[in-house]
């Protein structure tokens, strides 16, 4: 599984709070970014939850 964040990100940091192992906040661009290329199996469910809860639909998951 891979995940990306589009430019639609509103910077509400919900994904960062849900899964700081995967998402981090870029203070310069005021958006969240993805820290890893491949999502570890044990974090896939929480990443899916972050994508579902993203108000801007900015988190894209590729299975």
Protein backbone atom coordinates (compact mmCIF):
# COMPACT_ATOMS: atom_id res chain seq x y z
CA UNK A 1 0.00 0.00 0.00
CA UNK A 2 1.18 3.48 -0.88
CA UNK A 3 -0.35 6.77 0.18
CA UNK A 4 -0.05 10.31 -1.12
CA UNK A 5 -1.50 13.64 -0.09
CA UNK A 6 -2.79 15.96 -2.79
CA UNK A 7 -2.59 19.74 -2.86
CA UNK A 8 -6.21 19.76 -1.65
CA UNK A 9 -4.85 19.27 1.88
CA UNK A 10 -6.33 21.86 4.24
CA UNK A 11 -3.68 21.34 6.89
CA UNK A 12 -6.06 20.39 9.70
CA UNK A 13 -3.49 17.84 10.95
CA UNK A 14 -6.04 15.12 11.70
CA UNK A 15 -3.96 12.54 9.83
CA UNK A 16 -0.87 13.62 11.78
CA UNK A 17 -2.67 13.03 15.05
CA UNK A 18 -4.10 9.67 13.94
CA UNK A 19 -0.86 8.25 12.56
CA UNK A 20 2.30 10.27 13.27
CA UNK A 21 4.41 7.31 12.11
CA UNK A 22 3.22 7.96 8.54
CA UNK A 23 2.13 11.60 8.33
CA UNK A 24 3.96 14.78 9.30
CA UNK A 25 3.11 18.44 9.01
CA UNK A 26 5.15 20.74 6.80
CA UNK A 27 5.22 24.09 8.61
CA UNK A 28 6.50 25.91 5.52
CA UNK A 29 3.83 24.67 3.12
CA UNK A 30 1.11 24.33 5.78
CA UNK A 31 0.13 20.86 4.60
CA UNK A 32 0.64 17.29 5.72
CA UNK A 33 3.14 15.04 3.97
CA UNK A 34 3.84 11.32 3.89
CA UNK A 35 7.05 10.17 5.58
CA UNK A 36 7.37 6.68 4.04
CA UNK A 37 7.12 5.10 0.60
CA UNK A 38 5.38 1.90 1.67
CA UNK A 39 2.86 1.60 4.51
CA UNK A 40 3.72 -1.17 7.00
CA UNK A 41 1.01 -3.80 7.43
CA UNK A 42 0.34 -2.91 11.07
CA UNK A 43 -0.50 0.72 10.13
CA UNK A 44 -2.69 0.15 7.06
CA UNK A 45 -5.99 0.28 8.94
CA UNK A 46 -5.22 3.58 10.68
CA UNK A 47 -4.05 5.08 7.36
CA UNK A 48 -7.39 4.05 5.81
CA UNK A 49 -9.16 5.71 8.73
CA UNK A 50 -7.15 8.91 8.19
CA UNK A 51 -8.14 8.89 4.50
CA UNK A 52 -11.82 8.34 5.38
CA UNK A 53 -11.76 11.19 7.90
CA UNK A 54 -9.89 13.66 5.67
CA UNK A 55 -12.28 16.58 5.15
CA UNK A 56 -10.59 17.61 1.91
CA UNK A 57 -10.37 14.05 0.51
CA UNK A 58 -6.68 14.79 0.04
CA UNK A 59 -5.33 11.38 1.07
CA UNK A 60 -5.04 8.97 -1.85
CA UNK A 61 -4.43 5.27 -1.19
CA UNK A 62 -2.99 2.90 -3.77
CA UNK A 63 -3.37 -0.75 -2.82
